PDB file of N, CA and C in Angstrom:
ATOM      1  N   UNK A   1       1.317  21.028   8.142  1.00  0.00           N
ATOM      2  CA  UNK A   1       1.331  20.128   7.017  1.00  0.00           C
ATOM      3  C   UNK A   1       2.058  20.728   5.822  1.00  0.00           C
ATOM      4  N   UNK A   2       2.447  21.990   5.916  1.00  0.00           N
ATOM      5  CA  UNK A   2       3.146  22.629   4.804  1.00  0.00           C
ATOM      6  C   UNK A   2       4.500  21.997   4.512  1.00  0.00           C
ATOM      7  N   UNK A   3       5.033  21.236   5.447  1.00  0.00           N
ATOM      8  CA  UNK A   3       6.347  20.621   5.267  1.00  0.00           C
ATOM      9  C   UNK A   3       6.280  19.308   4.495  1.00  0.00           C
ATOM     10  N   UNK A   4       5.076  18.865   4.188  1.00  0.00           N
ATOM     11  CA  UNK A   4       4.904  17.583   3.513  1.00  0.00           C
ATOM     12  C   UNK A   4       4.421  17.781   2.081  1.00  0.00           C
ATOM     13  N   UNK A   5       4.857  16.878   1.229  1.00  0.00           N
ATOM     14  CA  UNK A   5       4.376  16.860  -0.150  1.00  0.00           C
ATOM     15  C   UNK A   5       3.306  15.778  -0.255  1.00  0.00           C
ATOM     16  N   UNK A   6       2.159  16.110  -0.765  1.00  0.00           N
ATOM     17  CA  UNK A   6       1.057  15.158  -0.893  1.00  0.00           C
ATOM     18  C   UNK A   6       1.044  14.605  -2.310  1.00  0.00           C
ATOM     19  N   UNK A   7       1.106  13.288  -2.411  1.00  0.00           N
ATOM     20  CA  UNK A   7       1.021  12.607  -3.703  1.00  0.00           C
ATOM     21  C   UNK A   7      -0.348  11.969  -3.829  1.00  0.00           C
ATOM     22  N   UNK A   8      -1.035  12.266  -4.904  1.00  0.00           N
ATOM     23  CA  UNK A   8      -2.347  11.684  -5.160  1.00  0.00           C
ATOM     24  C   UNK A   8      -2.189  10.342  -5.871  1.00  0.00           C
ATOM     25  N   UNK A   9      -3.014   9.359  -5.527  1.00  0.00           N
ATOM     26  CA  UNK A   9      -2.975   8.091  -6.256  1.00  0.00           C
ATOM     27  C   UNK A   9      -3.345   8.316  -7.726  1.00  0.00           C
ATOM     28  N   UNK A  10      -2.718   7.551  -8.581  1.00  0.00           N
ATOM     29  CA  UNK A  10      -2.992   7.652 -10.017  1.00  0.00           C
ATOM     30  C   UNK A  10      -4.016   6.602 -10.422  1.00  0.00           C
ATOM     31  N   UNK A  11      -4.455   6.695 -11.652  1.00  0.00           N
ATOM     32  CA  UNK A  11      -5.385   5.702 -12.194  1.00  0.00           C
ATOM     33  C   UNK A  11      -4.749   4.311 -12.144  1.00  0.00           C
ATOM     34  N   UNK A  12      -3.451   4.237 -12.420  1.00  0.00           N
ATOM     35  CA  UNK A  12      -2.738   2.957 -12.361  1.00  0.00           C
ATOM     36  C   UNK A  12      -2.731   2.411 -10.930  1.00  0.00           C
ATOM     37  N   UNK A  13      -2.542   3.293  -9.934  1.00  0.00           N
ATOM     38  CA  UNK A  13      -2.558   2.856  -8.535  1.00  0.00           C
ATOM     39  C   UNK A  13      -3.908   2.223  -8.181  1.00  0.00           C
ATOM     40  N   UNK A  14      -4.995   2.868  -8.616  1.00  0.00           N
ATOM     41  CA  UNK A  14      -6.327   2.330  -8.340  1.00  0.00           C
ATOM     42  C   UNK A  14      -6.536   0.984  -9.026  1.00  0.00           C
ATOM     43  N   UNK A  15      -6.087   0.867 -10.273  1.00  0.00           N
ATOM     44  CA  UNK A  15      -6.241  -0.388 -11.007  1.00  0.00           C
ATOM     45  C   UNK A  15      -5.443  -1.507 -10.355  1.00  0.00           C
ATOM     46  N   UNK A  16      -4.205  -1.215  -9.960  1.00  0.00           N
ATOM     47  CA  UNK A  16      -3.373  -2.222  -9.296  1.00  0.00           C
ATOM     48  C   UNK A  16      -3.981  -2.620  -7.954  1.00  0.00           C
ATOM     49  N   UNK A  17      -4.481  -1.642  -7.210  1.00  0.00           N
ATOM     50  CA  UNK A  17      -5.090  -1.919  -5.909  1.00  0.00           C
ATOM     51  C   UNK A  17      -6.321  -2.807  -6.063  1.00  0.00           C
ATOM     52  N   UNK A  18      -7.128  -2.544  -7.060  1.00  0.00           N
ATOM     53  CA  UNK A  18      -8.318  -3.359  -7.289  1.00  0.00           C
ATOM     54  C   UNK A  18      -7.938  -4.781  -7.671  1.00  0.00           C
ATOM     55  N   UNK A  19      -6.901  -4.929  -8.485  1.00  0.00           N
ATOM     56  CA  UNK A  19      -6.426  -6.269  -8.859  1.00  0.00           C
ATOM     57  C   UNK A  19      -5.950  -7.035  -7.630  1.00  0.00           C
ATOM     58  N   UNK A  20      -5.143  -6.385  -6.792  1.00  0.00           N
ATOM     59  CA  UNK A  20      -4.660  -7.039  -5.574  1.00  0.00           C
ATOM     60  C   UNK A  20      -5.807  -7.364  -4.625  1.00  0.00           C
ATOM     61  N   UNK A  21      -6.782  -6.475  -4.532  1.00  0.00           N
ATOM     62  CA  UNK A  21      -7.931  -6.718  -3.668  1.00  0.00           C
ATOM     63  C   UNK A  21      -8.663  -7.984  -4.107  1.00  0.00           C
ATOM     64  N   UNK A  22      -8.883  -8.127  -5.395  1.00  0.00           N
ATOM     65  CA  UNK A  22      -9.594  -9.307  -5.901  1.00  0.00           C
ATOM     66  C   UNK A  22      -8.815 -10.591  -5.628  1.00  0.00           C
ATOM     67  N   UNK A  23      -7.490 -10.511  -5.651  1.00  0.00           N
ATOM     68  CA  UNK A  23      -6.678 -11.707  -5.429  1.00  0.00           C
ATOM     69  C   UNK A  23      -6.440 -12.015  -3.954  1.00  0.00           C
ATOM     70  N   UNK A  24      -6.417 -10.997  -3.094  1.00  0.00           N
ATOM     71  CA  UNK A  24      -5.980 -11.194  -1.716  1.00  0.00           C
ATOM     72  C   UNK A  24      -7.061 -11.043  -0.650  1.00  0.00           C
ATOM     73  N   UNK A  25      -8.193 -10.457  -1.001  1.00  0.00           N
ATOM     74  CA  UNK A  25      -9.188 -10.155   0.025  1.00  0.00           C
ATOM     75  C   UNK A  25      -9.691 -11.399   0.755  1.00  0.00           C
ATOM     76  N   UNK A  26     -10.098 -12.396   0.029  1.00  0.00           N
ATOM     77  CA  UNK A  26     -10.662 -13.582   0.681  1.00  0.00           C
ATOM     78  C   UNK A  26      -9.614 -14.395   1.433  1.00  0.00           C
ATOM     79  N   UNK A  27      -8.429 -14.510   0.869  1.00  0.00           N
ATOM     80  CA  UNK A  27      -7.408 -15.353   1.504  1.00  0.00           C
ATOM     81  C   UNK A  27      -6.680 -14.657   2.650  1.00  0.00           C
ATOM     82  N   UNK A  28      -6.547 -13.325   2.595  1.00  0.00           N
ATOM     83  CA  UNK A  28      -5.764 -12.611   3.604  1.00  0.00           C
ATOM     84  C   UNK A  28      -6.544 -11.512   4.331  1.00  0.00           C
ATOM     85  N   UNK A  29      -7.821 -11.355   3.990  1.00  0.00           N
ATOM     86  CA  UNK A  29      -8.687 -10.364   4.645  1.00  0.00           C
ATOM     87  C   UNK A  29      -8.131  -8.943   4.539  1.00  0.00           C
ATOM     88  N   UNK A  30      -7.535  -8.633   3.417  1.00  0.00           N
ATOM     89  CA  UNK A  30      -6.966  -7.310   3.196  1.00  0.00           C
ATOM     90  C   UNK A  30      -8.035  -6.413   2.567  1.00  0.00           C
ATOM     91  N   UNK A  31      -8.004  -5.135   2.898  1.00  0.00           N
ATOM     92  CA  UNK A  31      -8.985  -4.198   2.369  1.00  0.00           C
ATOM     93  C   UNK A  31      -8.413  -3.314   1.269  1.00  0.00           C
ATOM     94  N   UNK A  32      -9.314  -2.608   0.598  1.00  0.00           N
ATOM     95  CA  UNK A  32      -8.907  -1.740  -0.506  1.00  0.00           C
ATOM     96  C   UNK A  32      -7.942  -0.637  -0.065  1.00  0.00           C
ATOM     97  N   UNK A  33      -8.154   0.018   1.089  1.00  0.00           N
ATOM     98  CA  UNK A  33      -7.210   1.084   1.472  1.00  0.00           C
ATOM     99  C   UNK A  33      -5.758   0.592   1.577  1.00  0.00           C
ATOM    100  N   UNK A  34      -5.546  -0.582   2.163  1.00  0.00           N
ATOM    101  CA  UNK A  34      -4.181  -1.107   2.263  1.00  0.00           C
ATOM    102  C   UNK A  34      -3.607  -1.412   0.889  1.00  0.00           C
ATOM    103  N   UNK A  35      -4.425  -1.940  -0.013  1.00  0.00           N
ATOM    104  CA  UNK A  35      -3.967  -2.208  -1.378  1.00  0.00           C
ATOM    105  C   UNK A  35      -3.598  -0.915  -2.089  1.00  0.00           C
ATOM    106  N   UNK A  36      -4.382   0.126  -1.896  1.00  0.00           N
ATOM    107  CA  UNK A  36      -4.097   1.409  -2.539  1.00  0.00           C
ATOM    108  C   UNK A  36      -2.839   2.056  -1.967  1.00  0.00           C
ATOM    109  N   UNK A  37      -2.659   1.979  -0.671  1.00  0.00           N
ATOM    110  CA  UNK A  37      -1.439   2.506  -0.049  1.00  0.00           C
ATOM    111  C   UNK A  37      -0.212   1.777  -0.600  1.00  0.00           C
ATOM    112  N   UNK A  38      -0.297   0.453  -0.681  1.00  0.00           N
ATOM    113  CA  UNK A  38       0.830  -0.343  -1.185  1.00  0.00           C
ATOM    114  C   UNK A  38       1.136  -0.017  -2.641  1.00  0.00           C
ATOM    115  N   UNK A  39       0.112   0.076  -3.476  1.00  0.00           N
ATOM    116  CA  UNK A  39       0.370   0.343  -4.897  1.00  0.00           C
ATOM    117  C   UNK A  39       0.957   1.738  -5.100  1.00  0.00           C
ATOM    118  N   UNK A  40       0.493   2.704  -4.337  1.00  0.00           N
ATOM    119  CA  UNK A  40       1.046   4.060  -4.434  1.00  0.00           C
ATOM    120  C   UNK A  40       2.487   4.103  -3.942  1.00  0.00           C
ATOM    121  N   UNK A  41       2.760   3.443  -2.822  1.00  0.00           N
ATOM    122  CA  UNK A  41       4.115   3.433  -2.275  1.00  0.00           C
ATOM    123  C   UNK A  41       5.092   2.744  -3.217  1.00  0.00           C
ATOM    124  N   UNK A  42       4.660   1.656  -3.834  1.00  0.00           N
ATOM    125  CA  UNK A  42       5.536   0.968  -4.789  1.00  0.00           C
ATOM    126  C   UNK A  42       5.845   1.858  -5.989  1.00  0.00           C
ATOM    127  N   UNK A  43       4.841   2.556  -6.501  1.00  0.00           N
ATOM    128  CA  UNK A  43       5.064   3.452  -7.651  1.00  0.00           C
ATOM    129  C   UNK A  43       6.040   4.566  -7.284  1.00  0.00           C
ATOM    130  N   UNK A  44       5.885   5.108  -6.096  1.00  0.00           N
ATOM    131  CA  UNK A  44       6.728   6.223  -5.666  1.00  0.00           C
ATOM    132  C   UNK A  44       8.100   5.773  -5.164  1.00  0.00           C
ATOM    133  N   UNK A  45       8.245   4.483  -4.871  1.00  0.00           N
ATOM    134  CA  UNK A  45       9.510   3.971  -4.357  1.00  0.00           C
ATOM    135  C   UNK A  45       9.781   4.407  -2.934  1.00  0.00           C
ATOM    136  N   UNK A  46       8.712   4.527  -2.145  1.00  0.00           N
ATOM    137  CA  UNK A  46       8.856   4.952  -0.756  1.00  0.00           C
ATOM    138  C   UNK A  46       8.392   3.827   0.172  1.00  0.00           C
ATOM    139  N   UNK A  47       8.919   3.785   1.389  1.00  0.00           N
ATOM    140  CA  UNK A  47       8.481   2.758   2.335  1.00  0.00           C
ATOM    141  C   UNK A  47       7.130   3.126   2.952  1.00  0.00           C
ATOM    142  N   UNK A  48       6.489   2.122   3.513  1.00  0.00           N
ATOM    143  CA  UNK A  48       5.265   2.323   4.278  1.00  0.00           C
ATOM    144  C   UNK A  48       5.629   2.170   5.748  1.00  0.00           C
ATOM    145  N   UNK A  49       5.280   3.153   6.541  1.00  0.00           N
ATOM    146  CA  UNK A  49       5.531   3.104   7.981  1.00  0.00           C
ATOM    147  C   UNK A  49       4.192   2.834   8.657  1.00  0.00           C
ATOM    148  N   UNK A  50       4.107   1.715   9.375  1.00  0.00           N
ATOM    149  CA  UNK A  50       2.832   1.307   9.972  1.00  0.00           C
ATOM    150  C   UNK A  50       3.059   0.424  11.193  1.00  0.00           C
ATOM    151  N   UNK A  51       2.120   0.500  12.128  1.00  0.00           N
ATOM    152  CA  UNK A  51       2.145  -0.413  13.266  1.00  0.00           C
ATOM    153  C   UNK A  51       1.498  -1.752  12.916  1.00  0.00           C
ATOM    154  N   UNK A  52       0.735  -1.779  11.835  1.00  0.00           N
ATOM    155  CA  UNK A  52       0.062  -2.998  11.392  1.00  0.00           C
ATOM    156  C   UNK A  52       0.699  -3.457  10.076  1.00  0.00           C
ATOM    157  N   UNK A  53       1.826  -4.117  10.184  1.00  0.00           N
ATOM    158  CA  UNK A  53       2.585  -4.494   8.984  1.00  0.00           C
ATOM    159  C   UNK A  53       2.155  -5.827   8.377  1.00  0.00           C
ATOM    160  N   UNK A  54       1.215  -6.520   8.970  1.00  0.00           N
ATOM    161  CA  UNK A  54       0.812  -7.845   8.514  1.00  0.00           C
ATOM    162  C   UNK A  54       0.382  -7.858   7.046  1.00  0.00           C
ATOM    163  N   UNK A  55      -0.503  -6.950   6.661  1.00  0.00           N
ATOM    164  CA  UNK A  55      -0.994  -6.941   5.285  1.00  0.00           C
ATOM    165  C   UNK A  55       0.061  -6.462   4.292  1.00  0.00           C
ATOM    166  N   UNK A  56       0.899  -5.560   4.702  1.00  0.00           N
ATOM    167  CA  UNK A  56       1.858  -4.976   3.765  1.00  0.00           C
ATOM    168  C   UNK A  56       2.995  -5.930   3.421  1.00  0.00           C
ATOM    169  N   UNK A  57       3.216  -6.955   4.225  1.00  0.00           N
ATOM    170  CA  UNK A  57       4.241  -7.950   3.908  1.00  0.00           C
ATOM    171  C   UNK A  57       3.892  -8.754   2.659  1.00  0.00           C
ATOM    172  N   UNK A  58       2.634  -8.694   2.229  1.00  0.00           N
ATOM    173  CA  UNK A  58       2.184  -9.457   1.056  1.00  0.00           C
ATOM    174  C   UNK A  58       2.702  -8.885  -0.258  1.00  0.00           C
ATOM    175  N   UNK A  59       3.130  -7.628  -0.255  1.00  0.00           N
ATOM    176  CA  UNK A  59       3.487  -6.945  -1.500  1.00  0.00           C
ATOM    177  C   UNK A  59       4.988  -7.015  -1.737  1.00  0.00           C
ATOM    178  N   UNK A  60       5.378  -7.810  -2.727  1.00  0.00           N
ATOM    179  CA  UNK A  60       6.789  -8.009  -3.064  1.00  0.00           C
ATOM    180  C   UNK A  60       7.405  -6.686  -3.503  1.00  0.00           C
ATOM    181  N   UNK A  61       8.548  -6.357  -2.942  1.00  0.00           N
ATOM    182  CA  UNK A  61       9.265  -5.153  -3.308  1.00  0.00           C
ATOM    183  C   UNK A  61       8.921  -3.946  -2.465  1.00  0.00           C
ATOM    184  N   UNK A  62       7.926  -4.069  -1.599  1.00  0.00           N
ATOM    185  CA  UNK A  62       7.521  -2.946  -0.748  1.00  0.00           C
ATOM    186  C   UNK A  62       8.318  -2.994   0.556  1.00  0.00           C
ATOM    187  N   UNK A  63       8.939  -1.882   0.889  1.00  0.00           N
ATOM    188  CA  UNK A  63       9.656  -1.775   2.148  1.00  0.00           C
ATOM    189  C   UNK A  63       8.678  -1.340   3.226  1.00  0.00           C
ATOM    190  N   UNK A  64       8.635  -2.105   4.321  1.00  0.00           N
ATOM    191  CA  UNK A  64       7.729  -1.812   5.417  1.00  0.00           C
ATOM    192  C   UNK A  64       8.554  -1.513   6.663  1.00  0.00           C
ATOM    193  N   UNK A  65       8.276  -0.391   7.281  1.00  0.00           N
ATOM    194  CA  UNK A  65       8.961   0.013   8.504  1.00  0.00           C
ATOM    195  C   UNK A  65       7.949  -0.001   9.634  1.00  0.00           C
ATOM    196  N   UNK A  66       8.265  -0.736  10.659  1.00  0.00           N
ATOM    197  CA  UNK A  66       7.392  -0.786  11.851  1.00  0.00           C
ATOM    198  C   UNK A  66       8.085  -0.010  12.967  1.00  0.00           C
ATOM    199  N   UNK A  67       7.546   1.163  13.332  1.00  0.00           N
ATOM    200  CA  UNK A  67       8.184   1.946  14.394  1.00  0.00           C
ATOM    201  C   UNK A  67       8.010   1.252  15.742  1.00  0.00           C
ATOM    202  N   UNK A  68       8.911   1.521  16.623  1.00  0.00           N
ATOM    203  CA  UNK A  68       8.852   0.887  17.948  1.00  0.00           C
ATOM    204  C   UNK A  68       8.046   1.711  18.896  1.00  0.00           C
TER     205      UNK A  68
END
């Protein structure tokens, strides 16, 4: 793991994730962890690589990569 840089979520990431959770949880069944991952990735300007891209498509401006 020494080859990776770990970025901690910021207070803003948590606030944005909570806002998205309140707006999207009931209609799209999205959970807090996915909201937090999306808000952190958007702040950092990095893509999210996931096999479950359904929830991440909800976040405008987020690049989602689905590996084969």
